[in-house]
Amino acid sequence: MVSRGKFVAYYRVSTDRQGRSGLGLEAQQAAVATYLNGGNWRIVAEFTEVESGRKSDRPELEKALGAARLHRCPLVVSKVDRLTRSVAFLSRLLEANVDVRFADLPQIEGATGRFLLQQMVAVAELEAGMISARTRAALAAAKRRGKKLGGSRIRTDGRPVVISHTAQKRGAAANRERAVARAADLAPTIAQIRATGAATLAAIADGLNAAAIPTPRGRGKWSPVQVKRTIEALRASSIDGRGVS
C-alpha cells in the first residue's frame, strides 16, 4: 500500500530515560515510515508521550488528536500493543472521532480500524474484570484457610517491606482519582434527589439508599458522612456540589 496525503504520528515511550535516550522511539519512527511506504505523503506533526504506564493523563495524545482533527488527517501509531494497556486510553481514541492507523496492521483503517478499537476496548475491560474477580476469589480463599490478610509485609530476607513516601503519595492520588470519578457518576442522581426536596446530607443518603445505589465500597447503606465525602469530591473536581449543608 502506498500512502498519500497528510498524517500525524504518535509515539509512546515508557520512562523519562527512554524518552531522552531515544531507545524505542527510533524503532517506532521507522515503523511509521515503513507503513507509509513511499508515495506522496508527509507527517505534519509528531508527538511523543513519555509515561510511566500508571498515568491516565496523556497531554501529547490530546495534542496529537487535536492536530489530526485540525488537518483532517489520520493518526498513525507504530504498534497495536502500545494501545492495549488502558481502557481509558482506547475509549479516548474512540471518542475523538479520528481515523487511527496501526503501522503493524497496514490493512486496517477507516471503519474497520474503528471496529478493531472497539473490540480492543471490550477485551481490555474483560481482562481487567477477570483479573479483579480472580484477585477477590484468591483473597477470599486465603481468608477461609485462616491466613491473616494485610498487616506488615515481609521480604524474602526476613526484613519488613518499607513503602516509600513517593509510593504512598501515588496511592493516595490514585484513591482521590477514583473517588472523583465515582462522585462524577453520582452527580446526576444526587441532583435528581435534591430536586425532590432533599436538602440535607441525611435526606440525600436516604434517597440514594431508596434508589439502591451502591455505596463507594459497594456494601452497606449510604450514610450522611459518605454523602458529605462525595459532595466534597464533586467540589474538588469543579462539578456542581452546591446546595447541601
C-alpha atoms as a PDB file:
ATOM      1  CA  MET A   1       0.000   0.000   0.000  1.00  0.00           C
ATOM      2  CA  VAL A   2       1.354   3.429  -0.969  1.00  0.00           C
ATOM      3  CA  SER A   3       0.179   6.229   1.293  1.00  0.00           C
ATOM      4  CA  ARG A   4      -0.769   9.708   0.178  1.00  0.00           C
ATOM      5  CA  GLY A   5      -1.684  12.937   1.941  1.00  0.00           C
ATOM      6  CA  LYS A   6      -1.036  14.190   5.456  1.00  0.00           C
ATOM      7  CA  PHE A   7      -0.531  12.176   8.646  1.00  0.00           C
ATOM      8  CA  VAL A   8       0.029  12.822  12.349  1.00  0.00           C
ATOM      9  CA  ALA A   9       2.363  10.417  14.182  1.00  0.00           C
ATOM     10  CA  TYR A  10       2.044   9.487  17.860  1.00  0.00           C
ATOM     11  CA  TYR A  11       4.759   7.659  19.784  1.00  0.00           C
ATOM     12  CA  ARG A  12       4.840   6.387  23.358  1.00  0.00           C
ATOM     13  CA  VAL A  13       7.852   5.545  25.483  1.00  0.00           C
ATOM     14  CA  SER A  14       7.635   4.134  28.978  1.00  0.00           C
ATOM     15  CA  THR A  15      10.151   6.120  31.016  1.00  0.00           C
ATOM     16  CA  ASP A  16      11.756   9.536  31.023  1.00  0.00           C
ATOM     17  CA  ARG A  17      15.184   7.967  30.491  1.00  0.00           C
ATOM     18  CA  GLN A  18      13.880   6.067  27.477  1.00  0.00           C
ATOM     19  CA  GLY A  19      12.374   9.254  26.097  1.00  0.00           C
ATOM     20  CA  ARG A  20      15.642  11.194  26.413  1.00  0.00           C
ATOM     21  CA  SER A  21      17.817   8.423  25.018  1.00  0.00           C
ATOM     22  CA  GLY A  22      15.529   7.689  22.075  1.00  0.00           C
ATOM     23  CA  LEU A  23      15.504   3.985  22.964  1.00  0.00           C
ATOM     24  CA  GLY A  24      12.418   2.540  21.349  1.00  0.00           C
ATOM     25  CA  LEU A  25      11.483   5.856  19.756  1.00  0.00           C
ATOM     26  CA  GLU A  26      13.620   5.426  16.647  1.00  0.00           C
ATOM     27  CA  ALA A  27      12.126   1.965  16.099  1.00  0.00           C
ATOM     28  CA  GLN A  28       8.613   3.440  16.270  1.00  0.00           C
ATOM     29  CA  GLN A  29       9.530   6.202  13.842  1.00  0.00           C
ATOM     30  CA  ALA A  30      10.982   3.621  11.455  1.00  0.00           C
ATOM     31  CA  ALA A  31       7.792   1.524  11.729  1.00  0.00           C
ATOM     32  CA  VAL A  32       5.636   4.523  10.825  1.00  0.00           C
ATOM     33  CA  ALA A  33       7.886   5.379   7.861  1.00  0.00           C
ATOM     34  CA  THR A  34       7.677   1.763   6.665  1.00  0.00           C
ATOM     35  CA  TYR A  35       3.900   1.829   6.984  1.00  0.00           C
ATOM     36  CA  LEU A  36       3.669   4.978   4.831  1.00  0.00           C
ATOM     37  CA  ASN A  37       5.803   3.124   2.256  1.00  0.00           C
ATOM     38  CA  GLY A  38       6.812   5.817  -0.175  1.00  0.00           C
ATOM     39  CA  GLY A  39       4.183   7.736  -2.105  1.00  0.00           C
ATOM     40  CA  ASN A  40       3.215  11.385  -1.844  1.00  0.00           C
ATOM     41  CA  TRP A  41       2.803  11.787   1.905  1.00  0.00           C
ATOM     42  CA  ARG A  42       4.112  13.912   4.720  1.00  0.00           C
ATOM     43  CA  ILE A  43       3.946  13.881   8.506  1.00  0.00           C
ATOM     44  CA  VAL A  44       2.546  17.255   9.506  1.00  0.00           C
ATOM     45  CA  ALA A  45       3.116  16.738  13.238  1.00  0.00           C
ATOM     46  CA  GLU A  46       4.783  14.249  15.583  1.00  0.00           C
ATOM     47  CA  PHE A  47       4.061  13.782  19.280  1.00  0.00           C
ATOM     48  CA  THR A  48       5.948  11.669  21.814  1.00  0.00           C
ATOM     49  CA  GLU A  49       4.378  10.713  25.141  1.00  0.00           C
ATOM     50  CA  VAL A  50       6.762   9.883  27.992  1.00  0.00           C
ATOM     51  CA  GLU A  51       4.786   7.943  30.585  1.00  0.00           C
ATOM     52  CA  SER A  52       5.217   5.552  33.461  1.00  0.00           C
ATOM     53  CA  GLY A  53       2.263   3.363  32.476  1.00  0.00           C
ATOM     54  CA  ARG A  54       0.322   4.426  35.585  1.00  0.00           C
ATOM     55  CA  LYS A  55      -0.775   7.872  34.480  1.00  0.00           C
ATOM     56  CA  SER A  56      -4.176   8.326  32.933  1.00  0.00           C
ATOM     57  CA  ASP A  57      -3.490  11.828  31.626  1.00  0.00           C
ATOM     58  CA  ARG A  58      -1.705  11.947  28.296  1.00  0.00           C
ATOM     59  CA  PRO A  59      -1.263  15.557  27.145  1.00  0.00           C
ATOM     60  CA  GLU A  60       0.653  14.601  23.997  1.00  0.00           C
ATOM     61  CA  LEU A  61      -2.193  12.312  22.928  1.00  0.00           C
ATOM     62  CA  GLU A  62      -4.628  15.210  23.251  1.00  0.00           C
ATOM     63  CA  LYS A  63      -2.317  17.353  21.113  1.00  0.00           C
ATOM     64  CA  ALA A  64      -1.970  14.574  18.521  1.00  0.00           C
ATOM     65  CA  LEU A  65      -5.736  14.085  18.301  1.00  0.00           C
ATOM     66  CA  GLY A  66      -6.218  17.833  18.038  1.00  0.00           C
ATOM     67  CA  ALA A  67      -3.668  18.050  15.217  1.00  0.00           C
ATOM     68  CA  ALA A  68      -5.327  15.161  13.366  1.00  0.00           C
ATOM     69  CA  ARG A  69      -8.709  16.894  13.608  1.00  0.00           C
ATOM     70  CA  LEU A  70      -7.203  20.231  12.596  1.00  0.00           C
ATOM     71  CA  HIS A  71      -5.558  18.778   9.499  1.00  0.00           C
ATOM     72  CA  ARG A  72      -8.386  16.290   8.909  1.00  0.00           C
ATOM     73  CA  CYS A  73      -5.888  13.501   8.525  1.00  0.00           C
ATOM     74  CA  PRO A  74      -5.211  10.065  10.100  1.00  0.00           C
ATOM     75  CA  LEU A  75      -3.282   9.479  13.308  1.00  0.00           C
ATOM     76  CA  VAL A  76      -0.620   6.778  12.934  1.00  0.00           C
ATOM     77  CA  VAL A  77       0.646   4.701  15.880  1.00  0.00           C
ATOM     78  CA  SER A  78       3.573   2.332  15.414  1.00  0.00           C
ATOM     79  CA  LYS A  79       2.177  -0.763  17.167  1.00  0.00           C
ATOM     80  CA  VAL A  80      -1.206  -2.021  18.287  1.00  0.00           C
ATOM     81  CA  ASP A  81       0.215  -3.282  21.593  1.00  0.00           C
ATOM     82  CA  ARG A  82       1.027   0.302  22.550  1.00  0.00           C
ATOM     83  CA  LEU A  83      -2.707   0.952  22.696  1.00  0.00           C
ATOM     84  CA  THR A  84      -3.992  -2.122  24.524  1.00  0.00           C
ATOM     85  CA  ARG A  85      -2.963  -1.403  28.118  1.00  0.00           C
ATOM     86  CA  SER A  86      -5.567   1.168  29.077  1.00  0.00           C
ATOM     87  CA  VAL A  87      -9.327   1.103  28.639  1.00  0.00           C
ATOM     88  CA  ALA A  88      -9.422   4.868  29.240  1.00  0.00           C
ATOM     89  CA  PHE A  89      -6.828   5.428  26.506  1.00  0.00           C
ATOM     90  CA  LEU A  90      -8.686   3.300  23.966  1.00  0.00           C
ATOM     91  CA  SER A  91     -12.011   4.901  24.828  1.00  0.00           C
ATOM     92  CA  ARG A  92     -10.478   8.351  24.394  1.00  0.00           C
ATOM     93  CA  LEU A  93      -9.388   7.437  20.869  1.00  0.00           C
ATOM     94  CA  LEU A  94     -12.901   6.260  20.014  1.00  0.00           C
ATOM     95  CA  GLU A  95     -14.472   9.457  21.366  1.00  0.00           C
ATOM     96  CA  ALA A  96     -12.051  11.694  19.444  1.00  0.00           C
ATOM     97  CA  ASN A  97     -13.588  10.861  16.048  1.00  0.00           C
ATOM     98  CA  VAL A  98     -10.171  10.489  14.425  1.00  0.00           C
ATOM     99  CA  ASP A  99      -9.080   7.886  11.861  1.00  0.00           C
ATOM    100  CA  VAL A 100      -6.453   5.864  13.756  1.00  0.00           C
ATOM    101  CA  ARG A 101      -3.988   3.722  11.793  1.00  0.00           C
ATOM    102  CA  PHE A 102      -1.664   0.997  13.054  1.00  0.00           C
ATOM    103  CA  ALA A 103       1.728   0.616  11.387  1.00  0.00           C
ATOM    104  CA  ASP A 104       1.880  -3.105  12.131  1.00  0.00           C
ATOM    105  CA  LEU A 105      -1.636  -3.655  10.707  1.00  0.00           C
ATOM    106  CA  PRO A 106      -1.486  -1.699   7.436  1.00  0.00           C
ATOM    107  CA  GLN A 107      -4.601  -3.318   6.011  1.00  0.00           C
ATOM    108  CA  ILE A 108      -6.801  -1.949   8.801  1.00  0.00           C
ATOM    109  CA  GLU A 109      -8.102   1.603   8.563  1.00  0.00           C
ATOM    110  CA  GLY A 110     -11.304   3.607   8.439  1.00  0.00           C
ATOM    111  CA  ALA A 111     -14.431   1.821   9.672  1.00  0.00           C
ATOM    112  CA  THR A 112     -12.505  -1.433  10.091  1.00  0.00           C
ATOM    113  CA  GLY A 113      -9.937   0.322  12.267  1.00  0.00           C
ATOM    114  CA  ARG A 114     -12.663   1.812  14.459  1.00  0.00           C
ATOM    115  CA  PHE A 115     -14.260  -1.613  14.837  1.00  0.00           C
ATOM    116  CA  LEU A 116     -10.874  -3.002  15.916  1.00  0.00           C
ATOM    117  CA  LEU A 117     -10.550  -0.278  18.549  1.00  0.00           C
ATOM    118  CA  GLN A 118     -13.999  -1.140  19.896  1.00  0.00           C
ATOM    119  CA  GLN A 119     -13.021  -4.797  20.205  1.00  0.00           C
ATOM    120  CA  MET A 120      -9.772  -3.843  21.930  1.00  0.00           C
ATOM    121  CA  VAL A 121     -11.732  -1.816  24.493  1.00  0.00           C
ATOM    122  CA  ALA A 122     -14.058  -4.762  25.118  1.00  0.00           C
ATOM    123  CA  VAL A 123     -11.157  -7.195  25.570  1.00  0.00           C
ATOM    124  CA  ALA A 124      -9.275  -4.795  27.877  1.00  0.00           C
ATOM    125  CA  GLU A 125     -12.385  -4.353  30.037  1.00  0.00           C
ATOM    126  CA  LEU A 126     -12.938  -8.117  30.142  1.00  0.00           C
ATOM    127  CA  GLU A 127      -9.330  -8.778  31.175  1.00  0.00           C
ATOM    128  CA  ALA A 128      -9.464  -6.114  33.883  1.00  0.00           C
ATOM    129  CA  GLY A 129     -12.707  -7.553  35.255  1.00  0.00           C
ATOM    130  CA  MET A 130     -11.378 -11.127  35.213  1.00  0.00           C
ATOM    131  CA  ILE A 131      -8.165 -10.114  36.995  1.00  0.00           C
ATOM    132  CA  SER A 132     -10.167  -8.273  39.648  1.00  0.00           C
ATOM    133  CA  ALA A 133     -12.511 -11.242  40.130  1.00  0.00           C
ATOM    134  CA  ARG A 134      -9.595 -13.708  40.408  1.00  0.00           C
ATOM    135  CA  THR A 135      -7.880 -11.490  42.956  1.00  0.00           C
ATOM    136  CA  ARG A 136     -11.006 -11.242  45.115  1.00  0.00           C
ATOM    137  CA  ALA A 137     -11.557 -15.005  44.896  1.00  0.00           C
ATOM    138  CA  ALA A 138      -7.947 -15.739  45.868  1.00  0.00           C
ATOM    139  CA  LEU A 139      -8.112 -13.376  48.853  1.00  0.00           C
ATOM    140  CA  ALA A 140     -11.412 -14.904  49.995  1.00  0.00           C
ATOM    141  CA  ALA A 141      -9.958 -18.418  49.724  1.00  0.00           C
ATOM    142  CA  ALA A 142      -6.884 -17.397  51.705  1.00  0.00           C
ATOM    143  CA  LYS A 143      -9.085 -15.864  54.390  1.00  0.00           C
ATOM    144  CA  ARG A 144     -11.128 -19.074  54.655  1.00  0.00           C
ATOM    145  CA  ARG A 145      -7.885 -21.010  55.181  1.00  0.00           C
ATOM    146  CA  GLY A 146      -7.175 -18.776  58.151  1.00  0.00           C
ATOM    147  CA  LYS A 147      -4.450 -16.734  56.507  1.00  0.00           C
ATOM    148  CA  LYS A 148      -4.139 -13.269  58.006  1.00  0.00           C
ATOM    149  CA  LEU A 149      -4.501 -10.647  55.319  1.00  0.00           C
ATOM    150  CA  GLY A 150      -2.942  -7.210  55.465  1.00  0.00           C
ATOM    151  CA  GLY A 151      -0.657  -6.092  58.266  1.00  0.00           C
ATOM    152  CA  SER A 152       3.112  -5.955  57.916  1.00  0.00           C
ATOM    153  CA  ARG A 153       4.748  -7.368  54.794  1.00  0.00           C
ATOM    154  CA  ILE A 154       7.996  -9.309  54.997  1.00  0.00           C
ATOM    155  CA  ARG A 155      10.600  -9.625  52.269  1.00  0.00           C
ATOM    156  CA  THR A 156      12.280 -12.934  51.423  1.00  0.00           C
ATOM    157  CA  ASP A 157      15.270 -11.924  53.561  1.00  0.00           C
ATOM    158  CA  GLY A 158      13.021 -11.505  56.601  1.00  0.00           C
ATOM    159  CA  ARG A 159      13.110  -7.722  56.637  1.00  0.00           C
ATOM    160  CA  PRO A 160       9.865  -5.714  56.583  1.00  0.00           C
ATOM    161  CA  VAL A 161       8.780  -4.057  53.371  1.00  0.00           C
ATOM    162  CA  VAL A 162       9.013  -0.276  53.606  1.00  0.00           C
ATOM    163  CA  ILE A 163       6.639   1.661  51.362  1.00  0.00           C
ATOM    164  CA  SER A 164       8.305   4.860  50.207  1.00  0.00           C
ATOM    165  CA  HIS A 165       6.736   8.257  50.695  1.00  0.00           C
ATOM    166  CA  THR A 166       6.501   8.630  46.910  1.00  0.00           C
ATOM    167  CA  ALA A 167       4.619   5.336  46.590  1.00  0.00           C
ATOM    168  CA  GLN A 168       2.255   6.389  49.376  1.00  0.00           C
ATOM    169  CA  LYS A 169       1.571   9.691  47.601  1.00  0.00           C
ATOM    170  CA  ARG A 170       0.877   7.866  44.334  1.00  0.00           C
ATOM    171  CA  GLY A 171      -1.523   5.531  46.103  1.00  0.00           C
ATOM    172  CA  ALA A 172      -3.322   8.440  47.745  1.00  0.00           C
ATOM    173  CA  ALA A 173      -3.556  10.257  44.406  1.00  0.00           C
ATOM    174  CA  ALA A 174      -4.996   7.151  42.728  1.00  0.00           C
ATOM    175  CA  ASN A 175      -7.593   6.851  45.508  1.00  0.00           C
ATOM    176  CA  ARG A 176      -8.571  10.503  45.030  1.00  0.00           C
ATOM    177  CA  GLU A 177      -8.962   9.997  41.277  1.00  0.00           C
ATOM    178  CA  ARG A 178     -11.260   7.018  41.857  1.00  0.00           C
ATOM    179  CA  ALA A 179     -13.306   8.997  44.381  1.00  0.00           C
ATOM    180  CA  VAL A 180     -13.717  11.907  41.968  1.00  0.00           C
ATOM    181  CA  ALA A 181     -14.694   9.582  39.105  1.00  0.00           C
ATOM    182  CA  ARG A 182     -17.281   7.857  41.283  1.00  0.00           C
ATOM    183  CA  ALA A 183     -18.619  11.199  42.502  1.00  0.00           C
ATOM    184  CA  ALA A 184     -18.983  12.399  38.907  1.00  0.00           C
ATOM    185  CA  ASP A 185     -21.074   9.323  38.118  1.00  0.00           C
ATOM    186  CA  LEU A 186     -23.274  10.082  41.120  1.00  0.00           C
ATOM    187  CA  ALA A 187     -23.753  13.789  40.356  1.00  0.00           C
ATOM    188  CA  PRO A 188     -26.883  13.414  38.151  1.00  0.00           C
ATOM    189  CA  THR A 189     -28.565  11.112  40.681  1.00  0.00           C
ATOM    190  CA  ILE A 190     -27.784  13.451  43.572  1.00  0.00           C
ATOM    191  CA  ALA A 191     -29.194  16.351  41.549  1.00  0.00           C
ATOM    192  CA  GLN A 192     -32.429  14.414  40.964  1.00  0.00           C
ATOM    193  CA  ILE A 193     -32.721  13.631  44.683  1.00  0.00           C
ATOM    194  CA  ARG A 194     -32.187  17.306  45.544  1.00  0.00           C
ATOM    195  CA  ALA A 195     -34.920  18.240  43.079  1.00  0.00           C
ATOM    196  CA  THR A 196     -37.396  16.206  45.148  1.00  0.00           C
ATOM    197  CA  GLY A 197     -36.717  18.494  48.133  1.00  0.00           C
ATOM    198  CA  ALA A 198     -33.859  16.660  49.855  1.00  0.00           C
ATOM    199  CA  ALA A 199     -31.880  19.497  51.479  1.00  0.00           C
ATOM    200  CA  THR A 200     -29.676  17.671  53.983  1.00  0.00           C
ATOM    201  CA  LEU A 201     -26.968  15.044  53.815  1.00  0.00           C
ATOM    202  CA  ALA A 202     -29.210  12.577  55.632  1.00  0.00           C
ATOM    203  CA  ALA A 203     -32.053  13.142  53.158  1.00  0.00           C
ATOM    204  CA  ILE A 204     -29.724  12.594  50.199  1.00  0.00           C
ATOM    205  CA  ALA A 205     -28.404   9.410  51.843  1.00  0.00           C
ATOM    206  CA  ASP A 206     -31.976   8.160  52.229  1.00  0.00           C
ATOM    207  CA  GLY A 207     -32.627   8.932  48.570  1.00  0.00           C
ATOM    208  CA  LEU A 208     -29.531   7.040  47.424  1.00  0.00           C
ATOM    209  CA  ASN A 209     -30.491   4.052  49.556  1.00  0.00           C
ATOM    210  CA  ALA A 210     -34.073   4.133  48.233  1.00  0.00           C
ATOM    211  CA  ALA A 211     -32.687   4.120  44.689  1.00  0.00           C
ATOM    212  CA  ALA A 212     -30.481   1.124  45.556  1.00  0.00           C
ATOM    213  CA  ILE A 213     -27.316   2.998  44.577  1.00  0.00           C
ATOM    214  CA  PRO A 214     -24.232   1.093  45.823  1.00  0.00           C
ATOM    215  CA  THR A 215     -22.011   2.873  48.320  1.00  0.00           C
ATOM    216  CA  PRO A 216     -18.400   3.710  47.388  1.00  0.00           C
ATOM    217  CA  ARG A 217     -17.270   0.408  48.919  1.00  0.00           C
ATOM    218  CA  GLY A 218     -20.146  -1.496  47.375  1.00  0.00           C
ATOM    219  CA  ARG A 219     -21.679  -2.692  50.639  1.00  0.00           C
ATOM    220  CA  GLY A 220     -23.874  -1.378  53.422  1.00  0.00           C
ATOM    221  CA  LYS A 221     -26.092   1.689  53.329  1.00  0.00           C
ATOM    222  CA  TRP A 222     -25.349   5.280  52.482  1.00  0.00           C
ATOM    223  CA  SER A 223     -24.675   7.497  55.488  1.00  0.00           C
ATOM    224  CA  PRO A 224     -24.557  11.296  55.751  1.00  0.00           C
ATOM    225  CA  VAL A 225     -20.751  11.097  56.121  1.00  0.00           C
ATOM    226  CA  GLN A 226     -20.411   9.214  52.837  1.00  0.00           C
ATOM    227  CA  VAL A 227     -22.644  11.736  51.093  1.00  0.00           C
ATOM    228  CA  LYS A 228     -20.528  14.560  52.516  1.00  0.00           C
ATOM    229  CA  ARG A 229     -17.350  12.979  51.128  1.00  0.00           C
ATOM    230  CA  THR A 230     -19.000  12.570  47.739  1.00  0.00           C
ATOM    231  CA  ILE A 231     -20.085  16.228  47.711  1.00  0.00           C
ATOM    232  CA  GLU A 232     -16.542  17.275  48.651  1.00  0.00           C
ATOM    233  CA  ALA A 233     -15.152  15.204  45.783  1.00  0.00           C
ATOM    234  CA  LEU A 234     -17.606  16.893  43.403  1.00  0.00           C
ATOM    235  CA  ARG A 235     -16.498  20.328  44.587  1.00  0.00           C
ATOM    236  CA  ALA A 236     -12.825  19.353  44.285  1.00  0.00           C
ATOM    237  CA  SER A 237     -13.408  18.352  40.671  1.00  0.00           C
ATOM    238  CA  SER A 238     -15.371  21.565  39.919  1.00  0.00           C
ATOM    239  CA  ILE A 239     -18.538  19.525  39.379  1.00  0.00           C
ATOM    240  CA  ASP A 240     -21.538  21.167  40.986  1.00  0.00           C
ATOM    241  CA  GLY A 241     -21.741  20.104  44.607  1.00  0.00           C
ATOM    242  CA  ARG A 242     -23.575  23.082  45.990  1.00  0.00           C
ATOM    243  CA  GLY A 243     -26.773  23.279  47.880  1.00  0.00           C
ATOM    244  CA  VAL A 244     -26.124  20.720  50.634  1.00  0.00           C
ATOM    245  CA  SER A 245     -25.490  21.640  54.227  1.00  0.00           C
END
